Full PDB file with SEQRES, HELIX, SHEET, SSBOND, CRYST1, ORIGX, SCALE, CONECT and MASTER records, all heavy atoms in Angstrom:
SEQRES   1 A   38  CYS ASP ILE ILE LYS THR ASN PRO ILE ILE LEU ASN GLU          
SEQRES   2 A   38  LYS GLN THR ILE ASN ASP ALA LEU ASN CYS ILE GLY GLU          
SEQRES   3 A   38  ALA LYS ILE GLY TYR LEU PRO VAL VAL THR ALA THR              
HELIX    1 AA1 ILE A   17  ILE A   24  1                                   8    
SHEET    1 AA1 2 LEU A  11  ASN A  12  0                                        
SHEET    2 AA1 2 VAL A  34  VAL A  35  1                                        
CRYST1    1.000    1.000    1.000  90.00  90.00  90.00 P 1           1          
ORIGX1      1.000000  0.000000  0.000000        0.00000                         
ORIGX2      0.000000  1.000000  0.000000        0.00000                         
ORIGX3      0.000000  0.000000  1.000000        0.00000                         
SCALE1      1.000000  0.000000  0.000000        0.00000                         
SCALE2      0.000000  1.000000  0.000000        0.00000                         
SCALE3      0.000000  0.000000  1.000000        0.00000                         
ATOM      1  N   CYS A   1     143.067-132.695 -76.371  1.00  0.00           N  
ATOM      2  CA  CYS A   1     141.841-132.734 -77.171  1.00  0.00           C  
ATOM      3  C   CYS A   1     140.589-132.867 -76.304  1.00  0.00           C  
ATOM      4  O   CYS A   1     139.480-132.542 -76.755  1.00  0.00           O  
ATOM      5  CB  CYS A   1     141.903-133.870 -78.190  1.00  0.00           C  
ATOM      6  SG  CYS A   1     142.137-135.499 -77.458  1.00  0.00           S  
ATOM      7  N   ASP A   2     140.754-133.320 -75.058  1.00  0.00           N  
ATOM      8  CA  ASP A   2     139.599-133.496 -74.169  1.00  0.00           C  
ATOM      9  C   ASP A   2     139.175-132.194 -73.481  1.00  0.00           C  
ATOM     10  O   ASP A   2     138.042-132.108 -72.979  1.00  0.00           O  
ATOM     11  CB  ASP A   2     139.921-134.548 -73.103  1.00  0.00           C  
ATOM     12  CG  ASP A   2     140.202-135.913 -73.711  1.00  0.00           C  
ATOM     13  OD1 ASP A   2     139.429-136.322 -74.601  1.00  0.00           O  
ATOM     14  OD2 ASP A   2     141.194-136.535 -73.304  1.00  0.00           O  
ATOM     15  N   ILE A   3     140.069-131.232 -73.386  1.00  0.00           N  
ATOM     16  CA  ILE A   3     139.730-130.003 -72.656  1.00  0.00           C  
ATOM     17  C   ILE A   3     139.818-128.746 -73.539  1.00  0.00           C  
ATOM     18  O   ILE A   3     139.718-127.618 -73.058  1.00  0.00           O  
ATOM     19  CB  ILE A   3     140.648-129.812 -71.421  1.00  0.00           C  
ATOM     20  CG1 ILE A   3     142.116-129.716 -71.853  1.00  0.00           C  
ATOM     21  CG2 ILE A   3     140.443-130.950 -70.422  1.00  0.00           C  
ATOM     22  CD1 ILE A   3     143.041-129.338 -70.699  1.00  0.00           C  
ATOM     23  N   ILE A   4     140.003-128.948 -74.823  1.00  0.00           N  
ATOM     24  CA  ILE A   4     140.187-127.827 -75.749  1.00  0.00           C  
ATOM     25  C   ILE A   4     138.936-126.944 -75.834  1.00  0.00           C  
ATOM     26  O   ILE A   4     137.803-127.446 -75.764  1.00  0.00           O  
ATOM     27  CB  ILE A   4     140.567-128.376 -77.149  1.00  0.00           C  
ATOM     28  CG1 ILE A   4     140.946-127.255 -78.085  1.00  0.00           C  
ATOM     29  CG2 ILE A   4     139.413-129.170 -77.730  1.00  0.00           C  
ATOM     30  CD1 ILE A   4     141.446-127.763 -79.439  1.00  0.00           C  
ATOM     31  N   LYS A   5     139.138-125.648 -75.970  1.00  0.00           N  
ATOM     32  CA  LYS A   5     138.049-124.707 -76.260  1.00  0.00           C  
ATOM     33  C   LYS A   5     138.066-124.444 -77.757  1.00  0.00           C  
ATOM     34  O   LYS A   5     139.058-123.949 -78.299  1.00  0.00           O  
ATOM     35  CB  LYS A   5     138.258-123.399 -75.506  1.00  0.00           C  
ATOM     36  CG  LYS A   5     138.132-123.539 -73.999  1.00  0.00           C  
ATOM     37  CD  LYS A   5     138.500-122.237 -73.316  1.00  0.00           C  
ATOM     38  CE  LYS A   5     138.386-122.389 -71.803  1.00  0.00           C  
ATOM     39  NZ  LYS A   5     138.905-121.200 -71.078  1.00  0.00           N  
ATOM     40  N   THR A   6     136.985-124.759 -78.403  1.00  0.00           N  
ATOM     41  CA  THR A   6     136.975-124.717 -79.869  1.00  0.00           C  
ATOM     42  C   THR A   6     136.315-123.469 -80.441  1.00  0.00           C  
ATOM     43  O   THR A   6     136.241-123.322 -81.661  1.00  0.00           O  
ATOM     44  CB  THR A   6     136.249-125.956 -80.420  1.00  0.00           C  
ATOM     45  OG1 THR A   6     134.912-125.991 -79.876  1.00  0.00           O  
ATOM     46  CG2 THR A   6     136.992-127.235 -80.058  1.00  0.00           C  
ATOM     47  N   ASN A   7     135.850-122.580 -79.571  1.00  0.00           N  
ATOM     48  CA  ASN A   7     135.110-121.416 -80.096  1.00  0.00           C  
ATOM     49  C   ASN A   7     135.640-120.060 -79.622  1.00  0.00           C  
ATOM     50  O   ASN A   7     134.855-119.174 -79.286  1.00  0.00           O  
ATOM     51  CB  ASN A   7     133.627-121.531 -79.730  1.00  0.00           C  
ATOM     52  CG  ASN A   7     133.429-121.562 -78.225  1.00  0.00           C  
ATOM     53  OD1 ASN A   7     134.383-121.768 -77.476  1.00  0.00           O  
ATOM     54  ND2 ASN A   7     132.196-121.339 -77.790  1.00  0.00           N  
ATOM     55  N   PRO A   8     136.966-119.868 -79.551  1.00  0.00           N  
ATOM     56  CA  PRO A   8     137.446-118.536 -79.184  1.00  0.00           C  
ATOM     57  C   PRO A   8     137.234-117.553 -80.346  1.00  0.00           C  
ATOM     58  O   PRO A   8     137.016-117.969 -81.493  1.00  0.00           O  
ATOM     59  CB  PRO A   8     138.939-118.762 -78.935  1.00  0.00           C  
ATOM     60  CG  PRO A   8     139.282-119.869 -79.879  1.00  0.00           C  
ATOM     61  CD  PRO A   8     138.086-120.777 -79.867  1.00  0.00           C  
ATOM     62  N   ILE A   9     137.320-116.280 -80.044  1.00  0.00           N  
ATOM     63  CA  ILE A   9     137.260-115.263 -81.102  1.00  0.00           C  
ATOM     64  C   ILE A   9     138.548-115.347 -81.911  1.00  0.00           C  
ATOM     65  O   ILE A   9     139.648-115.342 -81.347  1.00  0.00           O  
ATOM     66  CB  ILE A   9     137.097-113.852 -80.508  1.00  0.00           C  
ATOM     67  CG1 ILE A   9     135.796-113.770 -79.718  1.00  0.00           C  
ATOM     68  CG2 ILE A   9     137.136-112.784 -81.597  1.00  0.00           C  
ATOM     69  CD1 ILE A   9     135.644-112.479 -78.943  1.00  0.00           C  
ATOM     70  N   ILE A  10     138.403-115.445 -83.241  1.00  0.00           N  
ATOM     71  CA  ILE A  10     139.581-115.505 -84.102  1.00  0.00           C  
ATOM     72  C   ILE A  10     139.455-114.458 -85.219  1.00  0.00           C  
ATOM     73  O   ILE A  10     138.369-113.932 -85.460  1.00  0.00           O  
ATOM     74  CB  ILE A  10     139.778-116.910 -84.709  1.00  0.00           C  
ATOM     75  CG1 ILE A  10     138.595-117.273 -85.620  1.00  0.00           C  
ATOM     76  CG2 ILE A  10     139.972-117.943 -83.611  1.00  0.00           C  
ATOM     77  CD1 ILE A  10     138.806-118.573 -86.386  1.00  0.00           C  
ATOM     78  N   LEU A  11     140.566-114.189 -85.873  1.00  0.00           N  
ATOM     79  CA  LEU A  11     140.582-113.276 -87.013  1.00  0.00           C  
ATOM     80  C   LEU A  11     141.050-114.009 -88.254  1.00  0.00           C  
ATOM     81  O   LEU A  11     141.905-114.897 -88.173  1.00  0.00           O  
ATOM     82  CB  LEU A  11     141.528-112.098 -86.769  1.00  0.00           C  
ATOM     83  CG  LEU A  11     141.108-110.995 -85.804  1.00  0.00           C  
ATOM     84  CD1 LEU A  11     142.220-109.951 -85.734  1.00  0.00           C  
ATOM     85  CD2 LEU A  11     139.802-110.338 -86.204  1.00  0.00           C  
ATOM     86  N   ASN A  12     140.490-113.610 -89.396  1.00  0.00           N  
ATOM     87  CA  ASN A  12     141.005-114.064 -90.676  1.00  0.00           C  
ATOM     88  C   ASN A  12     142.128-113.128 -91.094  1.00  0.00           C  
ATOM     89  O   ASN A  12     142.070-111.929 -90.828  1.00  0.00           O  
ATOM     90  CB  ASN A  12     139.871-114.051 -91.707  1.00  0.00           C  
ATOM     91  CG  ASN A  12     140.302-114.599 -93.049  1.00  0.00           C  
ATOM     92  OD1 ASN A  12     140.987-113.921 -93.825  1.00  0.00           O  
ATOM     93  ND2 ASN A  12     139.907-115.836 -93.323  1.00  0.00           N  
ATOM     94  N   GLU A  13     143.140-113.636 -91.743  1.00  0.00           N  
ATOM     95  CA  GLU A  13     144.292-112.808 -92.116  1.00  0.00           C  
ATOM     96  C   GLU A  13     143.922-111.638 -93.027  1.00  0.00           C  
ATOM     97  O   GLU A  13     144.684-110.685 -93.171  1.00  0.00           O  
ATOM     98  CB  GLU A  13     145.360-113.665 -92.799  1.00  0.00           C  
ATOM     99  CG  GLU A  13     144.921-114.259 -94.125  1.00  0.00           C  
ATOM    100  CD  GLU A  13     146.030-115.024 -94.814  1.00  0.00           C  
ATOM    101  OE1 GLU A  13     147.217-114.777 -94.502  1.00  0.00           O  
ATOM    102  OE2 GLU A  13     145.705-115.893 -95.664  1.00  0.00           O  
ATOM    103  N   LYS A  14     142.756-111.667 -93.655  1.00  0.00           N  
ATOM    104  CA  LYS A  14     142.334-110.596 -94.544  1.00  0.00           C  
ATOM    105  C   LYS A  14     141.636-109.456 -93.799  1.00  0.00           C  
ATOM    106  O   LYS A  14     141.317-108.413 -94.379  1.00  0.00           O  
ATOM    107  CB  LYS A  14     141.373-111.141 -95.611  1.00  0.00           C  
ATOM    108  CG  LYS A  14     141.978-112.203 -96.512  1.00  0.00           C  
ATOM    109  CD  LYS A  14     143.163-111.656 -97.301  1.00  0.00           C  
ATOM    110  CE  LYS A  14     143.702-112.709 -98.258  1.00  0.00           C  
ATOM    111  NZ  LYS A  14     144.918-112.240 -98.962  1.00  0.00           N  
ATOM    112  N   GLN A  15     141.395-109.668 -92.493  1.00  0.00           N  
ATOM    113  CA  GLN A  15     140.749-108.611 -91.719  1.00  0.00           C  
ATOM    114  C   GLN A  15     141.760-107.506 -91.390  1.00  0.00           C  
ATOM    115  O   GLN A  15     142.937-107.580 -91.746  1.00  0.00           O  
ATOM    116  CB  GLN A  15     140.117-109.211 -90.455  1.00  0.00           C  
ATOM    117  CG  GLN A  15     138.883-110.036 -90.762  1.00  0.00           C  
ATOM    118  CD  GLN A  15     138.233-110.617 -89.523  1.00  0.00           C  
ATOM    119  OE1 GLN A  15     138.555-111.733 -89.110  1.00  0.00           O  
ATOM    120  NE2 GLN A  15     137.317-109.859 -88.929  1.00  0.00           N  
ATOM    121  N   THR A  16     141.284-106.453 -90.711  1.00  0.00           N  
ATOM    122  CA  THR A  16     142.096-105.253 -90.521  1.00  0.00           C  
ATOM    123  C   THR A  16     142.509-105.057 -89.069  1.00  0.00           C  
ATOM    124  O   THR A  16     141.993-105.728 -88.164  1.00  0.00           O  
ATOM    125  CB  THR A  16     141.306-104.006 -90.969  1.00  0.00           C  
ATOM    126  OG1 THR A  16     140.191-103.819 -90.060  1.00  0.00           O  
ATOM    127  CG2 THR A  16     140.781-104.154 -92.386  1.00  0.00           C  
ATOM    128  N   ILE A  17     143.406-104.091 -88.887  1.00  0.00           N  
ATOM    129  CA  ILE A  17     143.805-103.692 -87.532  1.00  0.00           C  
ATOM    130  C   ILE A  17     142.598-103.216 -86.738  1.00  0.00           C  
ATOM    131  O   ILE A  17     142.466-103.515 -85.545  1.00  0.00           O  
ATOM    132  CB  ILE A  17     144.866-102.570 -87.593  1.00  0.00           C  
ATOM    133  CG1 ILE A  17     146.230-103.150 -87.937  1.00  0.00           C  
ATOM    134  CG2 ILE A  17     144.979-101.841 -86.266  1.00  0.00           C  
ATOM    135  CD1 ILE A  17     146.874-103.933 -86.831  1.00  0.00           C  
ATOM    136  N   ASN A  18     141.711-102.485 -87.387  1.00  0.00           N  
ATOM    137  CA  ASN A  18     140.515-102.011 -86.682  1.00  0.00           C  
ATOM    138  C   ASN A  18     139.678-103.187 -86.172  1.00  0.00           C  
ATOM    139  O   ASN A  18     139.104-103.130 -85.080  1.00  0.00           O  
ATOM    140  CB  ASN A  18     139.671-101.111 -87.592  1.00  0.00           C  
ATOM    141  CG  ASN A  18     140.270 -99.729 -87.736  1.00  0.00           C  
ATOM    142  OD1 ASN A  18     140.911 -99.233 -86.818  1.00  0.00           O  
ATOM    143  ND2 ASN A  18     140.084 -99.113 -88.891  1.00  0.00           N  
ATOM    144  N   ASP A  19     139.603-104.251 -86.968  1.00  0.00           N  
ATOM    145  CA  ASP A  19     138.892-105.453 -86.514  1.00  0.00           C  
ATOM    146  C   ASP A  19     139.568-106.023 -85.270  1.00  0.00           C  
ATOM    147  O   ASP A  19     138.898-106.431 -84.312  1.00  0.00           O  
ATOM    148  CB  ASP A  19     138.885-106.517 -87.621  1.00  0.00           C  
ATOM    149  CG  ASP A  19     138.059-106.094 -88.826  1.00  0.00           C  
ATOM    150  OD1 ASP A  19     137.045-105.402 -88.634  1.00  0.00           O  
ATOM    151  OD2 ASP A  19     138.440-106.447 -89.955  1.00  0.00           O  
ATOM    152  N   ALA A  20     140.898-106.043 -85.296  1.00  0.00           N  
ATOM    153  CA  ALA A  20     141.646-106.549 -84.142  1.00  0.00           C  
ATOM    154  C   ALA A  20     141.396-105.692 -82.910  1.00  0.00           C  
ATOM    155  O   ALA A  20     141.192-106.212 -81.807  1.00  0.00           O  
ATOM    156  CB  ALA A  20     143.139-106.588 -84.458  1.00  0.00           C  
ATOM    157  N   LEU A  21     141.419-104.363 -83.083  1.00  0.00           N  
ATOM    158  CA  LEU A  21     141.175-103.460 -81.958  1.00  0.00           C  
ATOM    159  C   LEU A  21     139.776-103.662 -81.386  1.00  0.00           C  
ATOM    160  O   LEU A  21     139.568-103.603 -80.170  1.00  0.00           O  
ATOM    161  CB  LEU A  21     141.354-102.006 -82.408  1.00  0.00           C  
ATOM    162  CG  LEU A  21     142.791-101.563 -82.692  1.00  0.00           C  
ATOM    163  CD1 LEU A  21     142.811-100.211 -83.383  1.00  0.00           C  
ATOM    164  CD2 LEU A  21     143.601-101.521 -81.407  1.00  0.00           C  
ATOM    165  N   ASN A  22     138.808-103.900 -82.260  1.00  0.00           N  
ATOM    166  CA  ASN A  22     137.431-104.095 -81.804  1.00  0.00           C  
ATOM    167  C   ASN A  22     137.243-105.422 -81.078  1.00  0.00           C  
ATOM    168  O   ASN A  22     136.398-105.532 -80.189  1.00  0.00           O  
ATOM    169  CB  ASN A  22     136.471-104.034 -83.000  1.00  0.00           C  
ATOM    170  CG  ASN A  22     136.365-102.638 -83.583  1.00  0.00           C  
ATOM    171  OD1 ASN A  22     136.569-101.650 -82.882  1.00  0.00           O  
ATOM    172  ND2 ASN A  22     136.053-102.551 -84.870  1.00  0.00           N  
ATOM    173  N   CYS A  23     138.040-106.429 -81.459  1.00  0.00           N  
ATOM    174  CA  CYS A  23     137.841-107.780 -80.918  1.00  0.00           C  
ATOM    175  C   CYS A  23     138.708-108.113 -79.708  1.00  0.00           C  
ATOM    176  O   CYS A  23     138.339-108.956 -78.895  1.00  0.00           O  
ATOM    177  CB  CYS A  23     138.104-108.821 -82.002  1.00  0.00           C  
ATOM    178  SG  CYS A  23     136.916-108.806 -83.352  1.00  0.00           S  
ATOM    179  N   ILE A  24     139.876-107.461 -79.585  1.00  0.00           N  
ATOM    180  CA  ILE A  24     140.847-107.890 -78.580  1.00  0.00           C  
ATOM    181  C   ILE A  24     140.294-107.811 -77.163  1.00  0.00           C  
ATOM    182  O   ILE A  24     140.595-108.643 -76.315  1.00  0.00           O  
ATOM    183  CB  ILE A  24     142.174-107.079 -78.703  1.00  0.00           C  
ATOM    184  CG1 ILE A  24     143.283-107.709 -77.857  1.00  0.00           C  
ATOM    185  CG2 ILE A  24     141.978-105.623 -78.347  1.00  0.00           C  
ATOM    186  CD1 ILE A  24     143.861-108.953 -78.413  1.00  0.00           C  
ATOM    187  N   GLY A  25     139.462-106.808 -76.916  1.00  0.00           N  
ATOM    188  CA  GLY A  25     138.893-106.665 -75.575  1.00  0.00           C  
ATOM    189  C   GLY A  25     137.916-107.766 -75.219  1.00  0.00           C  
ATOM    190  O   GLY A  25     137.693-108.060 -74.046  1.00  0.00           O  
ATOM    191  N   GLU A  26     137.329-108.384 -76.227  1.00  0.00           N  
ATOM    192  CA  GLU A  26     136.359-109.453 -75.994  1.00  0.00           C  
ATOM    193  C   GLU A  26     137.012-110.829 -75.923  1.00  0.00           C  
ATOM    194  O   GLU A  26     136.374-111.809 -75.544  1.00  0.00           O  
ATOM    195  CB  GLU A  26     135.311-109.447 -77.105  1.00  0.00           C  
ATOM    196  CG  GLU A  26     134.525-108.143 -77.196  1.00  0.00           C  
ATOM    197  CD  GLU A  26     133.610-108.148 -78.407  1.00  0.00           C  
ATOM    198  OE1 GLU A  26     133.206-109.259 -78.835  1.00  0.00           O  
ATOM    199  OE2 GLU A  26     133.298-107.067 -78.915  1.00  0.00           O  
ATOM    200  N   ALA A  27     138.277-110.905 -76.303  1.00  0.00           N  
ATOM    201  CA  ALA A  27     138.980-112.190 -76.332  1.00  0.00           C  
ATOM    202  C   ALA A  27     139.355-112.590 -74.903  1.00  0.00           C  
ATOM    203  O   ALA A  27     140.269-112.035 -74.305  1.00  0.00           O  
ATOM    204  CB  ALA A  27     140.218-112.100 -77.199  1.00  0.00           C  
ATOM    205  N   LYS A  28     138.660-113.549 -74.355  1.00  0.00           N  
ATOM    206  CA  LYS A  28     138.861-113.934 -72.957  1.00  0.00           C  
ATOM    207  C   LYS A  28     140.244-114.519 -72.693  1.00  0.00           C  
ATOM    208  O   LYS A  28     140.727-114.541 -71.562  1.00  0.00           O  
ATOM    209  CB  LYS A  28     137.783-114.928 -72.539  1.00  0.00           C  
ATOM    210  CG  LYS A  28     136.386-114.318 -72.536  1.00  0.00           C  
ATOM    211  CD  LYS A  28     135.336-115.336 -72.118  1.00  0.00           C  
ATOM    212  CE  LYS A  28     133.953-114.708 -72.133  1.00  0.00           C  
ATOM    213  NZ  LYS A  28     132.883-115.680 -71.766  1.00  0.00           N  
ATOM    214  N   ILE A  29     140.894-114.992 -73.743  1.00  0.00           N  
ATOM    215  CA  ILE A  29     142.230-115.576 -73.572  1.00  0.00           C  
ATOM    216  C   ILE A  29     143.330-114.522 -73.676  1.00  0.00           C  
ATOM    217  O   ILE A  29     144.502-114.818 -73.512  1.00  0.00           O  
ATOM    218  CB  ILE A  29     142.484-116.690 -74.600  1.00  0.00           C  
ATOM    219  CG1 ILE A  29     142.192-116.201 -76.024  1.00  0.00           C  
ATOM    220  CG2 ILE A  29     141.668-117.918 -74.255  1.00  0.00           C  
ATOM    221  CD1 ILE A  29     142.530-117.203 -77.110  1.00  0.00           C  
ATOM    222  N   GLY A  30     142.970-113.254 -73.968  1.00  0.00           N  
ATOM    223  CA  GLY A  30     143.953-112.171 -73.984  1.00  0.00           C  
ATOM    224  C   GLY A  30     144.681-112.011 -75.297  1.00  0.00           C  
ATOM    225  O   GLY A  30     145.574-111.178 -75.407  1.00  0.00           O  
ATOM    226  N   TYR A  31     144.331-112.822 -76.307  1.00  0.00           N  
ATOM    227  CA  TYR A  31     144.941-112.657 -77.623  1.00  0.00           C  
ATOM    228  C   TYR A  31     143.962-113.163 -78.672  1.00  0.00           C  
ATOM    229  O   TYR A  31     142.945-113.809 -78.362  1.00  0.00           O  
ATOM    230  CB  TYR A  31     146.275-113.395 -77.724  1.00  0.00           C  
ATOM    231  CG  TYR A  31     146.204-114.888 -77.467  1.00  0.00           C  
ATOM    232  CD1 TYR A  31     145.853-115.781 -78.482  1.00  0.00           C  
ATOM    233  CD2 TYR A  31     146.491-115.415 -76.201  1.00  0.00           C  
ATOM    234  CE1 TYR A  31     145.780-117.143 -78.241  1.00  0.00           C  
ATOM    235  CE2 TYR A  31     146.429-116.779 -75.962  1.00  0.00           C  
ATOM    236  CZ  TYR A  31     146.070-117.632 -76.974  1.00  0.00           C  
ATOM    237  OH  TYR A  31     145.992-118.994 -76.742  1.00  0.00           O  
ATOM    238  N   LEU A  32     144.288-112.888 -79.933  1.00  0.00           N  
ATOM    239  CA  LEU A  32     143.440-113.308 -81.042  1.00  0.00           C  
ATOM    240  C   LEU A  32     144.223-114.227 -81.969  1.00  0.00           C  
ATOM    241  O   LEU A  32     145.211-113.807 -82.578  1.00  0.00           O  
ATOM    242  CB  LEU A  32     142.971-112.096 -81.852  1.00  0.00           C  
ATOM    243  CG  LEU A  32     142.079-111.084 -81.128  1.00  0.00           C  
ATOM    244  CD1 LEU A  32     141.948-109.832 -81.974  1.00  0.00           C  
ATOM    245  CD2 LEU A  32     140.700-111.694 -80.863  1.00  0.00           C  
ATOM    246  N   PRO A  33     143.817-115.499 -82.105  1.00  0.00           N  
ATOM    247  CA  PRO A  33     144.435-116.345 -83.132  1.00  0.00           C  
ATOM    248  C   PRO A  33     144.070-115.809 -84.528  1.00  0.00           C  
ATOM    249  O   PRO A  33     142.949-115.358 -84.755  1.00  0.00           O  
ATOM    250  CB  PRO A  33     143.800-117.719 -82.895  1.00  0.00           C  
ATOM    251  CG  PRO A  33     143.309-117.670 -81.472  1.00  0.00           C  
ATOM    252  CD  PRO A  33     142.885-116.251 -81.258  1.00  0.00           C  
ATOM    253  N   VAL A  34     145.041-115.839 -85.426  1.00  0.00           N  
ATOM    254  CA  VAL A  34     144.808-115.391 -86.803  1.00  0.00           C  
ATOM    255  C   VAL A  34     144.998-116.587 -87.724  1.00  0.00           C  
ATOM    256  O   VAL A  34     146.022-117.285 -87.651  1.00  0.00           O  
ATOM    257  CB  VAL A  34     145.786-114.261 -87.199  1.00  0.00           C  
ATOM    258  CG1 VAL A  34     145.506-113.793 -88.627  1.00  0.00           C  
ATOM    259  CG2 VAL A  34     145.679-113.095 -86.227  1.00  0.00           C  
ATOM    260  N   VAL A  35     144.000-116.826 -88.590  1.00  0.00           N  
ATOM    261  CA  VAL A  35     144.055-117.987 -89.475  1.00  0.00           C  
ATOM    262  C   VAL A  35     143.986-117.550 -90.929  1.00  0.00           C  
ATOM    263  O   VAL A  35     143.508-116.462 -91.256  1.00  0.00           O  
ATOM    264  CB  VAL A  35     142.908-118.975 -89.162  1.00  0.00           C  
ATOM    265  CG1 VAL A  35     143.005-119.483 -87.729  1.00  0.00           C  
ATOM    266  CG2 VAL A  35     141.546-118.329 -89.402  1.00  0.00           C  
ATOM    267  N   THR A  36     144.456-118.429 -91.810  1.00  0.00           N  
ATOM    268  CA  THR A  36     144.376-118.172 -93.249  1.00  0.00           C  
ATOM    269  C   THR A  36     142.987-118.555 -93.746  1.00  0.00           C  
ATOM    270  O   THR A  36     142.155-119.088 -92.993  1.00  0.00           O  
ATOM    271  CB  THR A  36     145.425-118.991 -93.999  1.00  0.00           C  
ATOM    272  OG1 THR A  36     145.103-120.386 -93.861  1.00  0.00           O  
ATOM    273  CG2 THR A  36     146.827-118.738 -93.452  1.00  0.00           C  
ATOM    274  N   ALA A  37     142.754-118.326 -95.023  1.00  0.00           N  
ATOM    275  CA  ALA A  37     141.456-118.663 -95.622  1.00  0.00           C  
ATOM    276  C   ALA A  37     141.171-120.161 -95.551  1.00  0.00           C  
ATOM    277  O   ALA A  37     140.020-120.596 -95.539  1.00  0.00           O  
ATOM    278  CB  ALA A  37     141.415-118.189 -97.070  1.00  0.00           C  
ATOM    279  N   THR A  38     142.236-120.976 -95.475  1.00  0.00           N  
ATOM    280  CA  THR A  38     142.058-122.441 -95.409  1.00  0.00           C  
ATOM    281  C   THR A  38     142.070-122.964 -93.968  1.00  0.00           C  
ATOM    282  O   THR A  38     142.076-124.179 -93.752  1.00  0.00           O  
ATOM    283  CB  THR A  38     143.171-123.134 -96.212  1.00  0.00           C  
ATOM    284  OG1 THR A  38     144.447-122.743 -95.682  1.00  0.00           O  
ATOM    285  CG2 THR A  38     143.088-122.742 -97.679  1.00  0.00           C  
TER     286      THR A  38                                                      
MASTER        0    0    0    1    2    0    0    6  285    1    0    3          
END                                                                             
């Protein structure tokens, strides 16, 4: 909790593959976390 990065690029599960393709290159960690609406 002391070294966590809290602002990576993430996707909502309702977004699309095109959104993922557009974002993956900008994700410095090499992947995109996907979260639900909650």
